[in-house]
């Protein structure tokens, strides 16, 4: 088993989270190149039963002024702050 972002994955089934890192219990950081990985990789539908991101968690993009927030009901990340 391999631990990624606080979740345990079988060695053959580790999603590619790119630069996404867990920086707190409800916060993640990432580079803008990996924004698409929020909705294509860091979701319950992809990670399955090991998924542990709470609703309302933030993903802060460190190289671009942007923040995304996770909604568990829709299993999607939504941009809430961005450079205009």
PDB file of N, CA and C in Angstrom:
ATOM      1  N   UNK A   1       0.841  -1.184   0.000  1.00  0.00           N
ATOM      2  CA  UNK A   1       0.000   0.000   0.000  1.00  0.00           C
ATOM      3  C   UNK A   1       0.886   1.249   0.000  1.00  0.00           C
ATOM      4  N   UNK A   2       0.414   2.260  -0.715  1.00  0.00           N
ATOM      5  CA  UNK A   2       1.143   3.519  -0.823  1.00  0.00           C
ATOM      6  C   UNK A   2       0.226   4.650  -0.363  1.00  0.00           C
ATOM      7  N   UNK A   3       0.752   5.531   0.487  1.00  0.00           N
ATOM      8  CA  UNK A   3      -0.015   6.662   0.983  1.00  0.00           C
ATOM      9  C   UNK A   3       0.204   7.882   0.097  1.00  0.00           C
ATOM     10  N   UNK A   4      -0.888   8.447  -0.404  1.00  0.00           N
ATOM     11  CA  UNK A   4      -0.876   9.679  -1.195  1.00  0.00           C
ATOM     12  C   UNK A   4      -1.989  10.571  -0.691  1.00  0.00           C
ATOM     13  N   UNK A   5      -1.651  11.775  -0.314  1.00  0.00           N
ATOM     14  CA  UNK A   5      -2.618  12.757   0.180  1.00  0.00           C
ATOM     15  C   UNK A   5      -3.443  12.206   1.343  1.00  0.00           C
ATOM     16  N   UNK A   6      -2.840  11.361   2.146  1.00  0.00           N
ATOM     17  CA  UNK A   6      -3.524  10.788   3.292  1.00  0.00           C
ATOM     18  C   UNK A   6      -4.446   9.631   2.967  1.00  0.00           C
ATOM     19  N   UNK A   7      -4.370   9.122   1.740  1.00  0.00           N
ATOM     20  CA  UNK A   7      -5.192   7.988   1.317  1.00  0.00           C
ATOM     21  C   UNK A   7      -4.270   6.828   0.972  1.00  0.00           C
ATOM     22  N   UNK A   8      -4.700   5.609   1.252  1.00  0.00           N
ATOM     23  CA  UNK A   8      -3.895   4.429   0.950  1.00  0.00           C
ATOM     24  C   UNK A   8      -4.372   3.768  -0.333  1.00  0.00           C
ATOM     25  N   UNK A   9      -3.431   3.606  -1.279  1.00  0.00           N
ATOM     26  CA  UNK A   9      -3.733   3.008  -2.573  1.00  0.00           C
ATOM     27  C   UNK A   9      -2.924   1.746  -2.768  1.00  0.00           C
ATOM     28  N   UNK A  10      -3.502   0.800  -3.483  1.00  0.00           N
ATOM     29  CA  UNK A  10      -2.784  -0.381  -3.937  1.00  0.00           C
ATOM     30  C   UNK A  10      -1.700   0.107  -4.898  1.00  0.00           C
ATOM     31  N   UNK A  11      -0.518  -0.479  -4.863  1.00  0.00           N
ATOM     32  CA  UNK A  11       0.613  -0.009  -5.663  1.00  0.00           C
ATOM     33  C   UNK A  11       0.320   0.035  -7.159  1.00  0.00           C
ATOM     34  N   UNK A  12      -0.580  -0.772  -7.644  1.00  0.00           N
ATOM     35  CA  UNK A  12      -0.906  -0.797  -9.069  1.00  0.00           C
ATOM     36  C   UNK A  12      -1.965   0.234  -9.450  1.00  0.00           C
ATOM     37  N   UNK A  13      -2.588   0.869  -8.461  1.00  0.00           N
ATOM     38  CA  UNK A  13      -3.712   1.776  -8.739  1.00  0.00           C
ATOM     39  C   UNK A  13      -3.538   3.144  -8.092  1.00  0.00           C
ATOM     40  N   UNK A  14      -2.367   3.737  -8.231  1.00  0.00           N
ATOM     41  CA  UNK A  14      -2.116   5.046  -7.636  1.00  0.00           C
ATOM     42  C   UNK A  14      -2.442   6.124  -8.663  1.00  0.00           C
ATOM     43  N   UNK A  15      -3.427   6.984  -8.372  1.00  0.00           N
ATOM     44  CA  UNK A  15      -3.737   8.071  -9.300  1.00  0.00           C
ATOM     45  C   UNK A  15      -2.560   9.053  -9.396  1.00  0.00           C
ATOM     46  N   UNK A  16      -2.443   9.729 -10.527  1.00  0.00           N
ATOM     47  CA  UNK A  16      -1.414  10.747 -10.716  1.00  0.00           C
ATOM     48  C   UNK A  16      -1.968  12.087 -10.254  1.00  0.00           C
ATOM     49  N   UNK A  17      -1.566  12.497  -9.053  1.00  0.00           N
ATOM     50  CA  UNK A  17      -2.033  13.757  -8.492  1.00  0.00           C
ATOM     51  C   UNK A  17      -1.144  14.936  -8.890  1.00  0.00           C
ATOM     52  N   UNK A  18      -0.092  14.687  -9.638  1.00  0.00           N
ATOM     53  CA  UNK A  18       0.791  15.764 -10.063  1.00  0.00           C
ATOM     54  C   UNK A  18       1.372  16.514  -8.882  1.00  0.00           C
ATOM     55  N   UNK A  19       1.236  17.819  -8.891  1.00  0.00           N
ATOM     56  CA  UNK A  19       1.813  18.667  -7.836  1.00  0.00           C
ATOM     57  C   UNK A  19       0.905  18.840  -6.627  1.00  0.00           C
ATOM     58  N   UNK A  20      -0.264  18.227  -6.616  1.00  0.00           N
ATOM     59  CA  UNK A  20      -1.208  18.414  -5.510  1.00  0.00           C
ATOM     60  C   UNK A  20      -0.611  17.835  -4.228  1.00  0.00           C
ATOM     61  N   UNK A  21      -0.595  18.666  -3.183  1.00  0.00           N
ATOM     62  CA  UNK A  21      -0.106  18.256  -1.865  1.00  0.00           C
ATOM     63  C   UNK A  21      -1.138  18.607  -0.808  1.00  0.00           C
ATOM     64  N   UNK A  22      -1.212  17.796   0.214  1.00  0.00           N
ATOM     65  CA  UNK A  22      -2.079  18.097   1.349  1.00  0.00           C
ATOM     66  C   UNK A  22      -1.300  19.003   2.286  1.00  0.00           C
ATOM     67  N   UNK A  23      -1.835  20.194   2.567  1.00  0.00           N
ATOM     68  CA  UNK A  23      -1.122  21.152   3.401  1.00  0.00           C
ATOM     69  C   UNK A  23      -1.807  21.387   4.741  1.00  0.00           C
ATOM     70  N   UNK A  24      -2.933  20.751   4.956  1.00  0.00           N
ATOM     71  CA  UNK A  24      -3.672  20.863   6.214  1.00  0.00           C
ATOM     72  C   UNK A  24      -4.851  19.920   6.161  1.00  0.00           C
ATOM     73  N   UNK A  25      -5.618  19.824   7.253  1.00  0.00           N
ATOM     74  CA  UNK A  25      -6.732  18.873   7.282  1.00  0.00           C
ATOM     75  C   UNK A  25      -7.808  19.155   6.229  1.00  0.00           C
ATOM     76  N   UNK A  26      -7.956  20.419   5.837  1.00  0.00           N
ATOM     77  CA  UNK A  26      -8.968  20.805   4.848  1.00  0.00           C
ATOM     78  C   UNK A  26      -8.371  21.669   3.746  1.00  0.00           C
ATOM     79  N   UNK A  27      -7.052  21.550   3.541  1.00  0.00           N
ATOM     80  CA  UNK A  27      -6.405  22.399   2.539  1.00  0.00           C
ATOM     81  C   UNK A  27      -5.368  21.638   1.735  1.00  0.00           C
ATOM     82  N   UNK A  28      -5.351  21.945   0.451  1.00  0.00           N
ATOM     83  CA  UNK A  28      -4.417  21.364  -0.496  1.00  0.00           C
ATOM     84  C   UNK A  28      -3.744  22.506  -1.252  1.00  0.00           C
ATOM     85  N   UNK A  29      -2.539  22.267  -1.750  1.00  0.00           N
ATOM     86  CA  UNK A  29      -1.864  23.232  -2.606  1.00  0.00           C
ATOM     87  C   UNK A  29      -1.477  22.528  -3.903  1.00  0.00           C
ATOM     88  N   UNK A  30      -1.364  23.302  -4.958  1.00  0.00           N
ATOM     89  CA  UNK A  30      -1.000  22.745  -6.254  1.00  0.00           C
ATOM     90  C   UNK A  30      -0.500  23.855  -7.162  1.00  0.00           C
ATOM     91  N   UNK A  31       0.107  23.454  -8.265  1.00  0.00           N
ATOM     92  CA  UNK A  31       0.524  24.383  -9.306  1.00  0.00           C
ATOM     93  C   UNK A  31      -0.579  24.476 -10.359  1.00  0.00           C
ATOM     94  N   UNK A  32      -0.631  25.598 -11.069  1.00  0.00           N
ATOM     95  CA  UNK A  32      -1.700  25.818 -12.050  1.00  0.00           C
ATOM     96  C   UNK A  32      -1.711  24.752 -13.153  1.00  0.00           C
ATOM     97  N   UNK A  33      -0.581  24.168 -13.456  1.00  0.00           N
ATOM     98  CA  UNK A  33      -0.525  23.118 -14.481  1.00  0.00           C
ATOM     99  C   UNK A  33      -1.363  21.894 -14.120  1.00  0.00           C
ATOM    100  N   UNK A  34      -1.686  21.741 -12.825  1.00  0.00           N
ATOM    101  CA  UNK A  34      -2.422  20.556 -12.373  1.00  0.00           C
ATOM    102  C   UNK A  34      -3.855  20.856 -11.927  1.00  0.00           C
ATOM    103  N   UNK A  35      -4.366  22.028 -12.256  1.00  0.00           N
ATOM    104  CA  UNK A  35      -5.750  22.357 -11.879  1.00  0.00           C
ATOM    105  C   UNK A  35      -6.728  21.314 -12.411  1.00  0.00           C
ATOM    106  N   UNK A  36      -6.512  20.834 -13.624  1.00  0.00           N
ATOM    107  CA  UNK A  36      -7.433  19.839 -14.198  1.00  0.00           C
ATOM    108  C   UNK A  36      -7.452  18.540 -13.406  1.00  0.00           C
ATOM    109  N   UNK A  37      -6.400  18.262 -12.644  1.00  0.00           N
ATOM    110  CA  UNK A  37      -6.350  17.031 -11.843  1.00  0.00           C
ATOM    111  C   UNK A  37      -7.338  17.076 -10.662  1.00  0.00           C
ATOM    112  N   UNK A  38      -7.784  18.266 -10.270  1.00  0.00           N
ATOM    113  CA  UNK A  38      -8.766  18.342  -9.183  1.00  0.00           C
ATOM    114  C   UNK A  38     -10.028  17.578  -9.572  1.00  0.00           C
ATOM    115  N   UNK A  39     -10.599  17.883 -10.725  1.00  0.00           N
ATOM    116  CA  UNK A  39     -11.850  17.237 -11.137  1.00  0.00           C
ATOM    117  C   UNK A  39     -11.658  15.963 -11.944  1.00  0.00           C
ATOM    118  N   UNK A  40     -10.432  15.668 -12.358  1.00  0.00           N
ATOM    119  CA  UNK A  40     -10.196  14.442 -13.117  1.00  0.00           C
ATOM    120  C   UNK A  40      -9.496  13.361 -12.305  1.00  0.00           C
ATOM    121  N   UNK A  41      -8.982  13.725 -11.124  1.00  0.00           N
ATOM    122  CA  UNK A  41      -8.244  12.743 -10.322  1.00  0.00           C
ATOM    123  C   UNK A  41      -8.619  12.782  -8.843  1.00  0.00           C
ATOM    124  N   UNK A  42      -8.715  13.976  -8.260  1.00  0.00           N
ATOM    125  CA  UNK A  42      -8.961  14.087  -6.815  1.00  0.00           C
ATOM    126  C   UNK A  42     -10.461  14.181  -6.533  1.00  0.00           C
ATOM    127  N   UNK A  43     -11.169  13.081  -6.829  1.00  0.00           N
ATOM    128  CA  UNK A  43     -12.609  12.989  -6.579  1.00  0.00           C
ATOM    129  C   UNK A  43     -12.935  11.601  -6.020  1.00  0.00           C
ATOM    130  N   UNK A  44     -14.087  11.512  -5.390  1.00  0.00           N
ATOM    131  CA  UNK A  44     -14.535  10.221  -4.856  1.00  0.00           C
ATOM    132  C   UNK A  44     -14.731   9.201  -5.979  1.00  0.00           C
ATOM    133  N   UNK A  45     -15.238   9.655  -7.127  1.00  0.00           N
ATOM    134  CA  UNK A  45     -15.492   8.720  -8.219  1.00  0.00           C
ATOM    135  C   UNK A  45     -14.208   8.103  -8.766  1.00  0.00           C
ATOM    136  N   UNK A  46     -13.076   8.795  -8.661  1.00  0.00           N
ATOM    137  CA  UNK A  46     -11.794   8.254  -9.123  1.00  0.00           C
ATOM    138  C   UNK A  46     -11.091   7.488  -8.007  1.00  0.00           C
ATOM    139  N   UNK A  47     -11.041   8.066  -6.815  1.00  0.00           N
ATOM    140  CA  UNK A  47     -10.276   7.464  -5.706  1.00  0.00           C
ATOM    141  C   UNK A  47     -11.018   6.352  -4.987  1.00  0.00           C
ATOM    142  N   UNK A  48     -12.334   6.326  -5.083  1.00  0.00           N
ATOM    143  CA  UNK A  48     -13.111   5.264  -4.457  1.00  0.00           C
ATOM    144  C   UNK A  48     -13.232   5.395  -2.949  1.00  0.00           C
ATOM    145  N   UNK A  49     -13.294   4.268  -2.275  1.00  0.00           N
ATOM    146  CA  UNK A  49     -13.586   4.240  -0.833  1.00  0.00           C
ATOM    147  C   UNK A  49     -12.489   4.854   0.031  1.00  0.00           C
ATOM    148  N   UNK A  50     -11.292   5.027  -0.494  1.00  0.00           N
ATOM    149  CA  UNK A  50     -10.209   5.629   0.303  1.00  0.00           C
ATOM    150  C   UNK A  50     -10.275   7.152   0.294  1.00  0.00           C
ATOM    151  N   UNK A  51     -11.147   7.724  -0.525  1.00  0.00           N
ATOM    152  CA  UNK A  51     -11.248   9.174  -0.665  1.00  0.00           C
ATOM    153  C   UNK A  51     -11.581   9.813   0.680  1.00  0.00           C
ATOM    154  N   UNK A  52     -10.829  10.845   1.058  1.00  0.00           N
ATOM    155  CA  UNK A  52     -11.024  11.449   2.376  1.00  0.00           C
ATOM    156  C   UNK A  52     -11.063  12.971   2.351  1.00  0.00           C
ATOM    157  N   UNK A  53     -11.378  13.575   1.216  1.00  0.00           N
ATOM    158  CA  UNK A  53     -11.449  15.029   1.130  1.00  0.00           C
ATOM    159  C   UNK A  53     -12.817  15.480   1.644  1.00  0.00           C
ATOM    160  N   UNK A  54     -12.838  16.330   2.682  1.00  0.00           N
ATOM    161  CA  UNK A  54     -14.123  16.771   3.214  1.00  0.00           C
ATOM    162  C   UNK A  54     -14.753  17.862   2.352  1.00  0.00           C
ATOM    163  N   UNK A  55     -16.062  17.922   2.354  1.00  0.00           N
ATOM    164  CA  UNK A  55     -16.758  18.987   1.652  1.00  0.00           C
ATOM    165  C   UNK A  55     -16.303  20.327   2.223  1.00  0.00           C
ATOM    166  N   UNK A  56     -16.057  21.282   1.351  1.00  0.00           N
ATOM    167  CA  UNK A  56     -15.584  22.592   1.786  1.00  0.00           C
ATOM    168  C   UNK A  56     -14.073  22.719   1.820  1.00  0.00           C
ATOM    169  N   UNK A  57     -13.349  21.648   1.507  1.00  0.00           N
ATOM    170  CA  UNK A  57     -11.889  21.720   1.482  1.00  0.00           C
ATOM    171  C   UNK A  57     -11.452  22.691   0.391  1.00  0.00           C
ATOM    172  N   UNK A  58     -10.334  23.371   0.629  1.00  0.00           N
ATOM    173  CA  UNK A  58      -9.789  24.324  -0.329  1.00  0.00           C
ATOM    174  C   UNK A  58      -8.564  23.764  -1.020  1.00  0.00           C
ATOM    175  N   UNK A  59      -8.407  24.134  -2.287  1.00  0.00           N
ATOM    176  CA  UNK A  59      -7.198  23.837  -3.046  1.00  0.00           C
ATOM    177  C   UNK A  59      -6.643  25.182  -3.513  1.00  0.00           C
ATOM    178  N   UNK A  60      -5.500  25.562  -2.971  1.00  0.00           N
ATOM    179  CA  UNK A  60      -4.892  26.855  -3.270  1.00  0.00           C
ATOM    180  C   UNK A  60      -3.850  26.673  -4.360  1.00  0.00           C
ATOM    181  N   UNK A  61      -4.010  27.415  -5.430  1.00  0.00           N
ATOM    182  CA  UNK A  61      -3.054  27.381  -6.538  1.00  0.00           C
ATOM    183  C   UNK A  61      -1.952  28.379  -6.205  1.00  0.00           C
ATOM    184  N   UNK A  62      -0.735  27.893  -6.050  1.00  0.00           N
ATOM    185  CA  UNK A  62       0.338  28.744  -5.515  1.00  0.00           C
ATOM    186  C   UNK A  62       1.009  29.632  -6.555  1.00  0.00           C
ATOM    187  N   UNK A  63       0.896  29.309  -7.835  1.00  0.00           N
ATOM    188  CA  UNK A  63       1.553  30.138  -8.841  1.00  0.00           C
ATOM    189  C   UNK A  63       0.570  30.976  -9.664  1.00  0.00           C
ATOM    190  N   UNK A  64      -0.665  31.040  -9.205  1.00  0.00           N
ATOM    191  CA  UNK A  64      -1.703  31.837  -9.846  1.00  0.00           C
ATOM    192  C   UNK A  64      -2.723  32.148  -8.753  1.00  0.00           C
ATOM    193  N   UNK A  65      -3.193  33.381  -8.659  1.00  0.00           N
ATOM    194  CA  UNK A  65      -4.171  33.658  -7.599  1.00  0.00           C
ATOM    195  C   UNK A  65      -5.500  32.933  -7.866  1.00  0.00           C
ATOM    196  N   UNK A  66      -5.621  31.734  -7.333  1.00  0.00           N
ATOM    197  CA  UNK A  66      -6.851  30.961  -7.522  1.00  0.00           C
ATOM    198  C   UNK A  66      -7.047  30.016  -6.337  1.00  0.00           C
ATOM    199  N   UNK A  67      -8.303  29.836  -5.973  1.00  0.00           N
ATOM    200  CA  UNK A  67      -8.684  28.884  -4.924  1.00  0.00           C
ATOM    201  C   UNK A  67      -9.884  28.103  -5.435  1.00  0.00           C
ATOM    202  N   UNK A  68      -9.833  26.804  -5.245  1.00  0.00           N
ATOM    203  CA  UNK A  68     -10.922  25.912  -5.627  1.00  0.00           C
ATOM    204  C   UNK A  68     -11.480  25.279  -4.362  1.00  0.00           C
ATOM    205  N   UNK A  69     -12.783  25.005  -4.345  1.00  0.00           N
ATOM    206  CA  UNK A  69     -13.442  24.419  -3.175  1.00  0.00           C
ATOM    207  C   UNK A  69     -14.170  23.144  -3.603  1.00  0.00           C
ATOM    208  N   UNK A  70     -14.046  22.093  -2.749  1.00  0.00           N
ATOM    209  CA  UNK A  70     -14.669  20.805  -3.042  1.00  0.00           C
ATOM    210  C   UNK A  70     -16.086  20.742  -2.473  1.00  0.00           C
ATOM    211  N   UNK A  71     -17.023  20.220  -3.274  1.00  0.00           N
ATOM    212  CA  UNK A  71     -18.396  19.983  -2.831  1.00  0.00           C
ATOM    213  C   UNK A  71     -18.678  18.486  -2.921  1.00  0.00           C
ATOM    214  N   UNK A  72     -18.926  17.864  -1.788  1.00  0.00           N
ATOM    215  CA  UNK A  72     -19.077  16.404  -1.766  1.00  0.00           C
ATOM    216  C   UNK A  72     -20.362  15.932  -2.454  1.00  0.00           C
ATOM    217  N   UNK A  73     -21.419  16.726  -2.415  1.00  0.00           N
ATOM    218  CA  UNK A  73     -22.680  16.318  -3.043  1.00  0.00           C
ATOM    219  C   UNK A  73     -22.555  16.132  -4.544  1.00  0.00           C
ATOM    220  N   UNK A  74     -21.777  16.992  -5.175  1.00  0.00           N
ATOM    221  CA  UNK A  74     -21.580  16.887  -6.626  1.00  0.00           C
ATOM    222  C   UNK A  74     -20.284  16.178  -6.970  1.00  0.00           C
ATOM    223  N   UNK A  75     -19.429  15.938  -5.971  1.00  0.00           N
ATOM    224  CA  UNK A  75     -18.114  15.321  -6.171  1.00  0.00           C
ATOM    225  C   UNK A  75     -17.304  16.117  -7.188  1.00  0.00           C
ATOM    226  N   UNK A  76     -17.337  17.449  -7.032  1.00  0.00           N
ATOM    227  CA  UNK A  76     -16.620  18.342  -7.944  1.00  0.00           C
ATOM    228  C   UNK A  76     -15.935  19.456  -7.179  1.00  0.00           C
ATOM    229  N   UNK A  77     -14.884  19.971  -7.801  1.00  0.00           N
ATOM    230  CA  UNK A  77     -14.156  21.148  -7.317  1.00  0.00           C
ATOM    231  C   UNK A  77     -14.652  22.353  -8.109  1.00  0.00           C
ATOM    232  N   UNK A  78     -14.870  23.486  -7.415  1.00  0.00           N
ATOM    233  CA  UNK A  78     -15.343  24.702  -8.052  1.00  0.00           C
ATOM    234  C   UNK A  78     -14.378  25.847  -7.754  1.00  0.00           C
ATOM    235  N   UNK A  79     -14.070  26.630  -8.782  1.00  0.00           N
ATOM    236  CA  UNK A  79     -13.201  27.779  -8.583  1.00  0.00           C
ATOM    237  C   UNK A  79     -13.989  28.862  -7.862  1.00  0.00           C
ATOM    238  N   UNK A  80     -13.464  29.352  -6.744  1.00  0.00           N
ATOM    239  CA  UNK A  80     -14.162  30.367  -5.966  1.00  0.00           C
ATOM    240  C   UNK A  80     -13.424  31.702  -5.966  1.00  0.00           C
ATOM    241  N   UNK A  81     -12.134  31.681  -6.225  1.00  0.00           N
ATOM    242  CA  UNK A  81     -11.340  32.908  -6.324  1.00  0.00           C
ATOM    243  C   UNK A  81     -10.378  32.727  -7.489  1.00  0.00           C
ATOM    244  N   UNK A  82     -10.312  33.744  -8.349  1.00  0.00           N
ATOM    245  CA  UNK A  82      -9.352  33.672  -9.445  1.00  0.00           C
ATOM    246  C   UNK A  82      -8.878  35.064  -9.799  1.00  0.00           C
ATOM    247  N   UNK A  83      -7.754  35.100 -10.520  1.00  0.00           N
ATOM    248  CA  UNK A  83      -7.304  36.395 -11.009  1.00  0.00           C
ATOM    249  C   UNK A  83      -8.242  36.818 -12.120  1.00  0.00           C
ATOM    250  N   UNK A  84      -8.621  38.036 -12.121  1.00  0.00           N
ATOM    251  CA  UNK A  84      -9.631  38.529 -13.063  1.00  0.00           C
ATOM    252  C   UNK A  84      -8.973  39.180 -14.252  1.00  0.00           C
TER     253      UNK A  84
END
